Amino acid sequence: MSITLYTAPDCIRCKIVKSFLAERGLDYGTVDFKADAQTFNTFYRTNRKAIYRNPEGVEFPLFDDGEVIKQGSGEILAYLLSGRVLESCVTRSDMLHGKIAGIYPSQCPDGQEENMLTLVDRLAKGGLQVWLQVDGRKPDLLRKLLAIKDVHVILNVVGGSAAMERIFGGAPSKEALAETIELVRSTPDGIIRFFAVPQPGEDGTWAWPDRAEAVAAAKMVFEASNTPTLPYVIAAVTPDMAWDMHGLEPLPEQTLLVYRSASRQLLFKADVAK
């Protein structure tokens, strides 16, 4: 396996990956996109469809072993730790600079918990502020992850149990969700939110959740927490996030207000994200 790492100058994420490769004793070559622009541009043009550009440009590092191309320190470390096993729970980050997201511990495959812990630990110790997104499952893993310095968490509730199954492939038990809520609340900046994402219909089309789904989400959170004054945020996927919009237009502000009104039937402090 021949590894090439495409990097940028003074890149924290690049340093994290280089350090990990060295610790594993893996040989690799590097291409600095500024120092060797011609080589990088050739690689970029050849693999344009596999490379994501955020609003500030290409995210580095880029990893190529001749079989796959991985982008960003999270995806690369996940691949080095377990091949493609963690692809369902480690995706590209939609956070820039000193923050990293795209890590979903609730969806971590059984048996991969130690690799998830190693991944998050390396990212945090490398100088990144790690933002996890969870859905209420695997609270034991979340507890261990939050013990790592500079790890933060968002709890996403996309609707009732059926919606959670459709979007995340599983729904939390009442007990697991209650434990997750307590863990999120134990952090200084943890977020619990109704997160409006496109949802598939029986006819195969995609649509934004309706008011009833917002009520179902609030009910699930209320029953798990038994706290009507729980801080609760209303938010939605936007085009700049690492979520598939499935061709839908961005959600109108008015719809977020409908979700807020629905949620306040049970969670009085529900409010639209600023």
C-alpha atoms as a PDB file:
ATOM      1  CA  MET A   1       0.000   0.000   0.000  1.00  0.00           C
ATOM      2  CA  SER A   2       1.462   3.334  -1.102  1.00  0.00           C
ATOM      3  CA  ILE A   3       0.129   6.303   0.858  1.00  0.00           C
ATOM      4  CA  THR A   4       0.199   9.899  -0.311  1.00  0.00           C
ATOM      5  CA  LEU A   5      -0.895  12.686   2.006  1.00  0.00           C
ATOM      6  CA  TYR A   6      -1.838  16.011   0.443  1.00  0.00           C
ATOM      7  CA  THR A   7      -1.315  18.768   2.985  1.00  0.00           C
ATOM      8  CA  ALA A   8      -1.407  22.505   3.597  1.00  0.00           C
ATOM      9  CA  PRO A   9       1.113  24.651   5.494  1.00  0.00           C
ATOM     10  CA  ASP A  10       0.498  25.116   9.242  1.00  0.00           C
ATOM     11  CA  CYS A  11      -2.403  22.647   9.167  1.00  0.00           C
ATOM     12  CA  ILE A  12      -3.347  21.218  12.585  1.00  0.00           C
ATOM     13  CA  ARG A  13      -5.392  18.436  11.003  1.00  0.00           C
ATOM     14  CA  CYS A  14      -2.430  17.463   8.817  1.00  0.00           C
ATOM     15  CA  LYS A  15      -0.120  17.277  11.831  1.00  0.00           C
ATOM     16  CA  ILE A  16      -2.563  14.966  13.622  1.00  0.00           C
ATOM     17  CA  VAL A  17      -2.631  12.536  10.699  1.00  0.00           C
ATOM     18  CA  LYS A  18       1.137  12.661  10.170  1.00  0.00           C
ATOM     19  CA  SER A  19       1.710  11.865  13.840  1.00  0.00           C
ATOM     20  CA  PHE A  20      -0.704   8.944  13.704  1.00  0.00           C
ATOM     21  CA  LEU A  21       0.895   7.520  10.563  1.00  0.00           C
ATOM     22  CA  ALA A  22       4.329   7.762  12.174  1.00  0.00           C
ATOM     23  CA  GLU A  23       3.144   6.004  15.331  1.00  0.00           C
ATOM     24  CA  ARG A  24       1.738   3.183  13.229  1.00  0.00           C
ATOM     25  CA  GLY A  25       5.014   2.882  11.346  1.00  0.00           C
ATOM     26  CA  LEU A  26       3.329   3.537   8.008  1.00  0.00           C
ATOM     27  CA  ASP A  27       5.452   5.012   5.245  1.00  0.00           C
ATOM     28  CA  TYR A  28       3.883   7.817   3.279  1.00  0.00           C
ATOM     29  CA  GLY A  29       4.742  10.582   0.891  1.00  0.00           C
ATOM     30  CA  THR A  30       3.541  14.163   1.221  1.00  0.00           C
ATOM     31  CA  VAL A  31       2.519  16.760  -1.315  1.00  0.00           C
ATOM     32  CA  ASP A  32       2.176  20.324  -0.059  1.00  0.00           C
ATOM     33  CA  PHE A  33      -0.504  21.923  -2.205  1.00  0.00           C
ATOM     34  CA  LYS A  34       1.336  25.250  -2.249  1.00  0.00           C
ATOM     35  CA  ALA A  35       4.895  23.992  -2.651  1.00  0.00           C
ATOM     36  CA  ASP A  36       3.914  21.472  -5.336  1.00  0.00           C
ATOM     37  CA  ALA A  37       0.816  23.016  -6.855  1.00  0.00           C
ATOM     38  CA  GLN A  38       1.158  21.180 -10.168  1.00  0.00           C
ATOM     39  CA  THR A  39       1.091  17.718  -8.565  1.00  0.00           C
ATOM     40  CA  PHE A  40      -1.807  18.659  -6.321  1.00  0.00           C
ATOM     41  CA  ASN A  41      -3.822  20.214  -9.139  1.00  0.00           C
ATOM     42  CA  THR A  42      -3.397  17.077 -11.243  1.00  0.00           C
ATOM     43  CA  PHE A  43      -4.623  14.946  -8.331  1.00  0.00           C
ATOM     44  CA  TYR A  44      -7.517  17.315  -7.690  1.00  0.00           C
ATOM     45  CA  ARG A  45      -8.694  17.399 -11.302  1.00  0.00           C
ATOM     46  CA  THR A  46      -8.519  13.611 -11.550  1.00  0.00           C
ATOM     47  CA  ASN A  47     -10.470  13.057  -8.326  1.00  0.00           C
ATOM     48  CA  ARG A  48     -12.678  16.140  -8.212  1.00  0.00           C
ATOM     49  CA  LYS A  49     -15.873  14.161  -7.490  1.00  0.00           C
ATOM     50  CA  ALA A  50     -14.328  12.583  -4.387  1.00  0.00           C
ATOM     51  CA  ILE A  51     -13.072  15.860  -2.906  1.00  0.00           C
ATOM     52  CA  TYR A  52     -15.257  18.214  -0.899  1.00  0.00           C
ATOM     53  CA  ARG A  53     -14.843  21.990  -0.996  1.00  0.00           C
ATOM     54  CA  ASN A  54     -16.159  23.957   1.971  1.00  0.00           C
ATOM     55  CA  PRO A  55     -16.837  27.727   1.760  1.00  0.00           C
ATOM     56  CA  GLU A  56     -13.134  28.397   2.363  1.00  0.00           C
ATOM     57  CA  GLY A  57     -11.804  25.869  -0.139  1.00  0.00           C
ATOM     58  CA  VAL A  58     -10.522  22.293   0.007  1.00  0.00           C
ATOM     59  CA  GLU A  59     -10.257  20.773   3.478  1.00  0.00           C
ATOM     60  CA  PHE A  60      -6.872  19.216   4.196  1.00  0.00           C
ATOM     61  CA  PRO A  61      -5.381  16.713   4.588  1.00  0.00           C
ATOM     62  CA  LEU A  62      -6.313  14.430   1.714  1.00  0.00           C
ATOM     63  CA  PHE A  63      -5.299  10.781   1.909  1.00  0.00           C
ATOM     64  CA  ASP A  64      -4.810   8.456  -1.064  1.00  0.00           C
ATOM     65  CA  ASP A  65      -3.642   4.855  -0.722  1.00  0.00           C
ATOM     66  CA  GLY A  66      -4.510   3.789  -4.250  1.00  0.00           C
ATOM     67  CA  GLU A  67      -7.779   2.214  -3.094  1.00  0.00           C
ATOM     68  CA  VAL A  68      -9.691   5.032  -1.420  1.00  0.00           C
ATOM     69  CA  ILE A  69      -9.457   8.781  -1.023  1.00  0.00           C
ATOM     70  CA  LYS A  70     -10.251  10.122   2.422  1.00  0.00           C
ATOM     71  CA  GLN A  71     -10.518  13.774   3.376  1.00  0.00           C
ATOM     72  CA  GLY A  72     -10.118  15.423   6.763  1.00  0.00           C
ATOM     73  CA  SER A  73      -8.446  14.101   9.891  1.00  0.00           C
ATOM     74  CA  GLY A  74     -11.567  12.388  11.237  1.00  0.00           C
ATOM     75  CA  GLU A  75     -12.233  10.286   8.147  1.00  0.00           C
ATOM     76  CA  ILE A  76      -8.553   9.464   7.673  1.00  0.00           C
ATOM     77  CA  LEU A  77      -7.952   8.315  11.254  1.00  0.00           C
ATOM     78  CA  ALA A  78     -11.155   6.256  11.163  1.00  0.00           C
ATOM     79  CA  TYR A  79      -9.942   4.524   8.002  1.00  0.00           C
ATOM     80  CA  LEU A  80      -6.503   3.848   9.466  1.00  0.00           C
ATOM     81  CA  LEU A  81      -8.058   2.426  12.636  1.00  0.00           C
ATOM     82  CA  SER A  82     -10.644   0.109  11.114  1.00  0.00           C
ATOM     83  CA  GLY A  83     -10.690   0.260   7.344  1.00  0.00           C
ATOM     84  CA  ARG A  84     -14.156   1.201   6.139  1.00  0.00           C
ATOM     85  CA  VAL A  85     -16.016  -0.117   9.199  1.00  0.00           C
ATOM     86  CA  LEU A  86     -16.498   3.336  10.767  1.00  0.00           C
ATOM     87  CA  GLU A  87     -17.759   5.019   7.597  1.00  0.00           C
ATOM     88  CA  SER A  88     -21.323   4.974   8.921  1.00  0.00           C
ATOM     89  CA  CYS A  89     -20.398   7.045  11.964  1.00  0.00           C
ATOM     90  CA  VAL A  90     -17.438   9.191  10.894  1.00  0.00           C
ATOM     91  CA  THR A  91     -18.082  11.520   7.971  1.00  0.00           C
ATOM     92  CA  ARG A  92     -16.763  14.825   6.712  1.00  0.00           C
ATOM     93  CA  SER A  93     -16.803  17.741   9.109  1.00  0.00           C
ATOM     94  CA  ASP A  94     -18.866  20.851   8.445  1.00  0.00           C
ATOM     95  CA  MET A  95     -16.934  22.795  11.089  1.00  0.00           C
ATOM     96  CA  LEU A  96     -13.855  24.827  10.220  1.00  0.00           C
ATOM     97  CA  HIS A  97     -10.644  26.048  11.830  1.00  0.00           C
ATOM     98  CA  GLY A  98     -10.141  24.637  15.343  1.00  0.00           C
ATOM     99  CA  LYS A  99     -13.359  22.605  15.464  1.00  0.00           C
ATOM    100  CA  ILE A 100     -14.274  19.239  13.991  1.00  0.00           C
ATOM    101  CA  ALA A 101     -17.621  17.475  13.625  1.00  0.00           C
ATOM    102  CA  GLY A 102     -18.923  14.563  11.567  1.00  0.00           C
ATOM    103  CA  ILE A 103     -18.581  12.042  14.420  1.00  0.00           C
ATOM    104  CA  TYR A 104     -21.693  10.050  15.429  1.00  0.00           C
ATOM    105  CA  PRO A 105     -20.980   7.718  18.374  1.00  0.00           C
ATOM    106  CA  SER A 106     -24.567   6.443  18.639  1.00  0.00           C
ATOM    107  CA  GLN A 107     -24.097   4.812  15.239  1.00  0.00           C
ATOM    108  CA  CYS A 108     -20.751   3.234  16.116  1.00  0.00           C
ATOM    109  CA  PRO A 109     -20.819  -0.465  15.123  1.00  0.00           C
ATOM    110  CA  ASP A 110     -20.631  -2.911  18.011  1.00  0.00           C
ATOM    111  CA  GLY A 111     -17.042  -3.882  18.705  1.00  0.00           C
ATOM    112  CA  GLN A 112     -15.643  -0.572  17.421  1.00  0.00           C
ATOM    113  CA  GLU A 113     -16.014   1.434  20.620  1.00  0.00           C
ATOM    114  CA  GLU A 114     -12.294   1.395  21.436  1.00  0.00           C
ATOM    115  CA  ASN A 115     -11.447   2.644  17.963  1.00  0.00           C
ATOM    116  CA  MET A 116     -13.993   5.431  18.385  1.00  0.00           C
ATOM    117  CA  LEU A 117     -12.396   6.399  21.696  1.00  0.00           C
ATOM    118  CA  THR A 118      -8.930   6.383  20.133  1.00  0.00           C
ATOM    119  CA  LEU A 119     -10.136   8.502  17.224  1.00  0.00           C
ATOM    120  CA  VAL A 120     -11.720  11.193  19.389  1.00  0.00           C
ATOM    121  CA  ASP A 121      -8.815  11.184  21.843  1.00  0.00           C
ATOM    122  CA  ARG A 122      -6.280  11.779  19.052  1.00  0.00           C
ATOM    123  CA  LEU A 123      -8.303  14.577  17.498  1.00  0.00           C
ATOM    124  CA  ALA A 124      -8.758  16.333  20.839  1.00  0.00           C
ATOM    125  CA  LYS A 125      -5.153  15.897  21.954  1.00  0.00           C
ATOM    126  CA  GLY A 126      -4.051  17.170  18.563  1.00  0.00           C
ATOM    127  CA  GLY A 127      -5.635  20.521  19.352  1.00  0.00           C
ATOM    128  CA  LEU A 128      -9.127  20.266  17.851  1.00  0.00           C
ATOM    129  CA  GLN A 129     -12.395  20.982  19.619  1.00  0.00           C
ATOM    130  CA  VAL A 130     -14.413  17.839  18.908  1.00  0.00           C
ATOM    131  CA  TRP A 131     -18.191  18.104  18.485  1.00  0.00           C
ATOM    132  CA  LEU A 132     -20.045  14.804  18.694  1.00  0.00           C
ATOM    133  CA  GLN A 133     -23.591  14.317  17.447  1.00  0.00           C
ATOM    134  CA  VAL A 134     -25.645  11.612  19.149  1.00  0.00           C
ATOM    135  CA  ASP A 135     -29.183  10.244  18.888  1.00  0.00           C
ATOM    136  CA  GLY A 136     -29.624   8.810  22.388  1.00  0.00           C
ATOM    137  CA  ARG A 137     -28.201   5.341  21.854  1.00  0.00           C
ATOM    138  CA  LYS A 138     -24.933   4.075  23.384  1.00  0.00           C
ATOM    139  CA  PRO A 139     -24.830   6.413  26.408  1.00  0.00           C
ATOM    140  CA  ASP A 140     -22.028   4.338  27.958  1.00  0.00           C
ATOM    141  CA  LEU A 141     -19.786   5.169  25.008  1.00  0.00           C
ATOM    142  CA  LEU A 142     -20.779   8.829  25.197  1.00  0.00           C
ATOM    143  CA  ARG A 143     -19.865   8.936  28.878  1.00  0.00           C
ATOM    144  CA  LYS A 144     -16.337   7.716  28.082  1.00  0.00           C
ATOM    145  CA  LEU A 145     -15.962  10.146  25.197  1.00  0.00           C
ATOM    146  CA  LEU A 146     -17.016  13.115  27.308  1.00  0.00           C
ATOM    147  CA  ALA A 147     -14.259  12.255  29.777  1.00  0.00           C
ATOM    148  CA  ILE A 148     -11.787  13.355  27.081  1.00  0.00           C
ATOM    149  CA  LYS A 149     -10.806  17.005  27.349  1.00  0.00           C
ATOM    150  CA  ASP A 150     -12.394  19.433  24.868  1.00  0.00           C
ATOM    151  CA  VAL A 151     -15.130  17.099  23.656  1.00  0.00           C
ATOM    152  CA  HIS A 152     -18.607  18.578  23.181  1.00  0.00           C
ATOM    153  CA  VAL A 153     -21.957  17.066  22.267  1.00  0.00           C
ATOM    154  CA  ILE A 154     -25.218  17.711  20.427  1.00  0.00           C
ATOM    155  CA  LEU A 155     -28.228  15.427  20.884  1.00  0.00           C
ATOM    156  CA  ASN A 156     -30.273  15.255  17.672  1.00  0.00           C
ATOM    157  CA  VAL A 157     -33.916  14.190  17.880  1.00  0.00           C
ATOM    158  CA  VAL A 158     -35.445  14.102  14.396  1.00  0.00           C
ATOM    159  CA  GLY A 159     -38.948  12.990  15.366  1.00  0.00           C
ATOM    160  CA  GLY A 160     -40.603  10.103  17.149  1.00  0.00           C
ATOM    161  CA  SER A 161     -39.211   6.578  17.342  1.00  0.00           C
ATOM    162  CA  ALA A 162     -40.247   5.706  13.783  1.00  0.00           C
ATOM    163  CA  ALA A 163     -38.459   8.766  12.397  1.00  0.00           C
ATOM    164  CA  MET A 164     -35.351   7.960  14.440  1.00  0.00           C
ATOM    165  CA  GLU A 165     -35.397   4.459  12.956  1.00  0.00           C
ATOM    166  CA  ARG A 166     -35.705   5.818   9.417  1.00  0.00           C
ATOM    167  CA  ILE A 167     -32.942   8.390   9.723  1.00  0.00           C
ATOM    168  CA  PHE A 168     -30.460   6.780  12.117  1.00  0.00           C
ATOM    169  CA  GLY A 169     -31.240   3.094  11.715  1.00  0.00           C
ATOM    170  CA  GLY A 170     -32.366   2.794  15.322  1.00  0.00           C
ATOM    171  CA  ALA A 171     -34.177   4.584  18.129  1.00  0.00           C
ATOM    172  CA  PRO A 172     -33.038   4.900  21.741  1.00  0.00           C
ATOM    173  CA  SER A 173     -34.872   3.272  24.606  1.00  0.00           C
ATOM    174  CA  LYS A 174     -36.439   5.655  27.106  1.00  0.00           C
ATOM    175  CA  GLU A 175     -33.715   4.736  29.604  1.00  0.00           C
ATOM    176  CA  ALA A 176     -30.860   5.290  27.140  1.00  0.00           C
ATOM    177  CA  LEU A 177     -32.302   8.624  26.047  1.00  0.00           C
ATOM    178  CA  ALA A 178     -32.724   9.728  29.668  1.00  0.00           C
ATOM    179  CA  GLU A 179     -29.098   8.878  30.398  1.00  0.00           C
ATOM    180  CA  THR A 180     -27.947  10.677  27.256  1.00  0.00           C
ATOM    181  CA  ILE A 181     -29.916  13.794  28.176  1.00  0.00           C
ATOM    182  CA  GLU A 182     -28.277  13.848  31.601  1.00  0.00           C
ATOM    183  CA  LEU A 183     -24.840  13.509  30.018  1.00  0.00           C
ATOM    184  CA  VAL A 184     -25.509  16.336  27.570  1.00  0.00           C
ATOM    185  CA  ARG A 185     -26.792  18.551  30.378  1.00  0.00           C
ATOM    186  CA  SER A 186     -23.672  17.826  32.418  1.00  0.00           C
ATOM    187  CA  THR A 187     -21.542  19.624  29.820  1.00  0.00           C
ATOM    188  CA  PRO A 188     -21.310  23.431  29.802  1.00  0.00           C
ATOM    189  CA  ASP A 189     -22.356  23.845  26.167  1.00  0.00           C
ATOM    190  CA  GLY A 190     -24.248  20.653  25.327  1.00  0.00           C
ATOM    191  CA  ILE A 191     -27.223  21.053  22.994  1.00  0.00           C
ATOM    192  CA  ILE A 192     -30.487  19.108  22.914  1.00  0.00           C
ATOM    193  CA  ARG A 193     -32.421  19.845  19.762  1.00  0.00           C
ATOM    194  CA  PHE A 194     -35.209  18.928  17.430  1.00  0.00           C
ATOM    195  CA  PHE A 195     -33.244  18.626  14.221  1.00  0.00           C
ATOM    196  CA  ALA A 196     -35.376  18.866  11.102  1.00  0.00           C
ATOM    197  CA  VAL A 197     -33.882  16.706   8.364  1.00  0.00           C
ATOM    198  CA  PRO A 198     -35.410  15.490   5.090  1.00  0.00           C
ATOM    199  CA  GLN A 199     -37.402  12.326   5.714  1.00  0.00           C
ATOM    200  CA  PRO A 200     -38.402   9.623   3.214  1.00  0.00           C
ATOM    201  CA  GLY A 201     -42.043   8.934   2.472  1.00  0.00           C
ATOM    202  CA  GLU A 202     -43.624   5.612   1.568  1.00  0.00           C
ATOM    203  CA  ASP A 203     -43.620   6.650  -2.094  1.00  0.00           C
ATOM    204  CA  GLY A 204     -39.871   7.227  -2.044  1.00  0.00           C
ATOM    205  CA  THR A 205     -40.054  11.020  -2.086  1.00  0.00           C
ATOM    206  CA  TRP A 206     -38.389  13.204   0.523  1.00  0.00           C
ATOM    207  CA  ALA A 207     -40.024  15.955   2.564  1.00  0.00           C
ATOM    208  CA  TRP A 208     -39.440  18.089   5.622  1.00  0.00           C
ATOM    209  CA  PRO A 209     -41.029  16.759   8.831  1.00  0.00           C
ATOM    210  CA  ASP A 210     -44.501  18.003   9.672  1.00  0.00           C
ATOM    211  CA  ARG A 211     -45.749  19.556  12.900  1.00  0.00           C
ATOM    212  CA  ALA A 212     -46.765  16.176  14.304  1.00  0.00           C
ATOM    213  CA  GLU A 213     -43.170  14.959  14.026  1.00  0.00           C
ATOM    214  CA  ALA A 214     -41.978  17.914  16.091  1.00  0.00           C
ATOM    215  CA  VAL A 215     -44.582  17.054  18.736  1.00  0.00           C
ATOM    216  CA  ALA A 216     -43.460  13.405  18.723  1.00  0.00           C
ATOM    217  CA  ALA A 217     -39.839  14.454  19.214  1.00  0.00           C
ATOM    218  CA  ALA A 218     -40.691  16.782  22.092  1.00  0.00           C
ATOM    219  CA  LYS A 219     -42.826  14.081  23.710  1.00  0.00           C
ATOM    220  CA  MET A 220     -39.993  11.565  23.542  1.00  0.00           C
ATOM    221  CA  VAL A 221     -37.559  14.039  25.132  1.00  0.00           C
ATOM    222  CA  PHE A 222     -40.067  15.126  27.777  1.00  0.00           C
ATOM    223  CA  GLU A 223     -40.939  11.564  28.782  1.00  0.00           C
ATOM    224  CA  ALA A 224     -37.261  10.649  29.076  1.00  0.00           C
ATOM    225  CA  SER A 225     -36.253  13.756  31.027  1.00  0.00           C
ATOM    226  CA  ASN A 226     -39.489  14.562  32.896  1.00  0.00           C
ATOM    227  CA  THR A 227     -38.325  18.176  32.706  1.00  0.00           C
ATOM    228  CA  PRO A 228     -40.696  20.610  30.962  1.00  0.00           C
ATOM    229  CA  THR A 229     -38.178  23.440  31.438  1.00  0.00           C
ATOM    230  CA  LEU A 230     -35.406  21.571  29.609  1.00  0.00           C
ATOM    231  CA  PRO A 231     -33.463  23.892  27.261  1.00  0.00           C
ATOM    232  CA  TYR A 232     -34.438  22.680  23.788  1.00  0.00           C
ATOM    233  CA  VAL A 233     -33.337  24.054  20.440  1.00  0.00           C
ATOM    234  CA  ILE A 234     -35.187  23.978  17.122  1.00  0.00           C
ATOM    235  CA  ALA A 235     -32.860  23.686  14.130  1.00  0.00           C
ATOM    236  CA  ALA A 236     -32.779  22.327  10.600  1.00  0.00           C
ATOM    237  CA  VAL A 237     -30.313  21.012   8.070  1.00  0.00           C
ATOM    238  CA  THR A 238     -28.879  23.707   5.815  1.00  0.00           C
ATOM    239  CA  PRO A 239     -26.998  23.326   2.515  1.00  0.00           C
ATOM    240  CA  ASP A 240     -23.599  23.977   4.133  1.00  0.00           C
ATOM    241  CA  MET A 241     -23.961  21.021   6.516  1.00  0.00           C
ATOM    242  CA  ALA A 242     -22.722  17.491   5.903  1.00  0.00           C
ATOM    243  CA  TRP A 243     -26.248  16.172   5.360  1.00  0.00           C
ATOM    244  CA  ASP A 244     -28.015  15.260   2.135  1.00  0.00           C
ATOM    245  CA  MET A 245     -30.783  17.767   1.325  1.00  0.00           C
ATOM    246  CA  HIS A 246     -32.291  15.292  -1.177  1.00  0.00           C
ATOM    247  CA  GLY A 247     -33.089  18.130  -3.541  1.00  0.00           C
ATOM    248  CA  LEU A 248     -35.229  20.054  -1.045  1.00  0.00           C
ATOM    249  CA  GLU A 249     -35.122  23.820  -0.723  1.00  0.00           C
ATOM    250  CA  PRO A 250     -33.868  25.161   2.637  1.00  0.00           C
ATOM    251  CA  LEU A 251     -36.523  25.137   5.321  1.00  0.00           C
ATOM    252  CA  PRO A 252     -38.351  28.486   5.661  1.00  0.00           C
ATOM    253  CA  GLU A 253     -38.018  30.345   8.960  1.00  0.00           C
ATOM    254  CA  GLN A 254     -41.789  30.181   9.374  1.00  0.00           C
ATOM    255  CA  THR A 255     -41.672  26.378   9.524  1.00  0.00           C
ATOM    256  CA  LEU A 256     -39.125  26.527  12.337  1.00  0.00           C
ATOM    257  CA  LEU A 257     -41.593  28.698  14.245  1.00  0.00           C
ATOM    258  CA  VAL A 258     -44.271  26.046  13.693  1.00  0.00           C
ATOM    259  CA  TYR A 259     -41.911  23.437  15.157  1.00  0.00           C
ATOM    260  CA  ARG A 260     -41.230  25.734  18.104  1.00  0.00           C
ATOM    261  CA  SER A 261     -44.924  26.165  18.820  1.00  0.00           C
ATOM    262  CA  ALA A 262     -45.471  22.408  18.611  1.00  0.00           C
ATOM    263  CA  SER A 263     -42.532  21.652  20.903  1.00  0.00           C
ATOM    264  CA  ARG A 264     -43.656  24.160  23.518  1.00  0.00           C
ATOM    265  CA  GLN A 265     -46.698  22.031  24.250  1.00  0.00           C
ATOM    266  CA  LEU A 266     -44.318  19.897  26.313  1.00  0.00           C
ATOM    267  CA  LEU A 267     -40.983  21.722  26.518  1.00  0.00           C
ATOM    268  CA  PHE A 268     -41.673  25.314  27.498  1.00  0.00           C
ATOM    269  CA  LYS A 269     -38.183  26.629  26.735  1.00  0.00           C
ATOM    270  CA  ALA A 270     -38.076  25.379  23.157  1.00  0.00           C
ATOM    271  CA  ASP A 271     -36.681  28.066  20.872  1.00  0.00           C
ATOM    272  CA  VAL A 272     -35.278  28.428  17.383  1.00  0.00           C
ATOM    273  CA  ALA A 273     -31.488  28.229  17.133  1.00  0.00           C
ATOM    274  CA  LYS A 274     -29.825  31.629  16.880  1.00  0.00           C
END
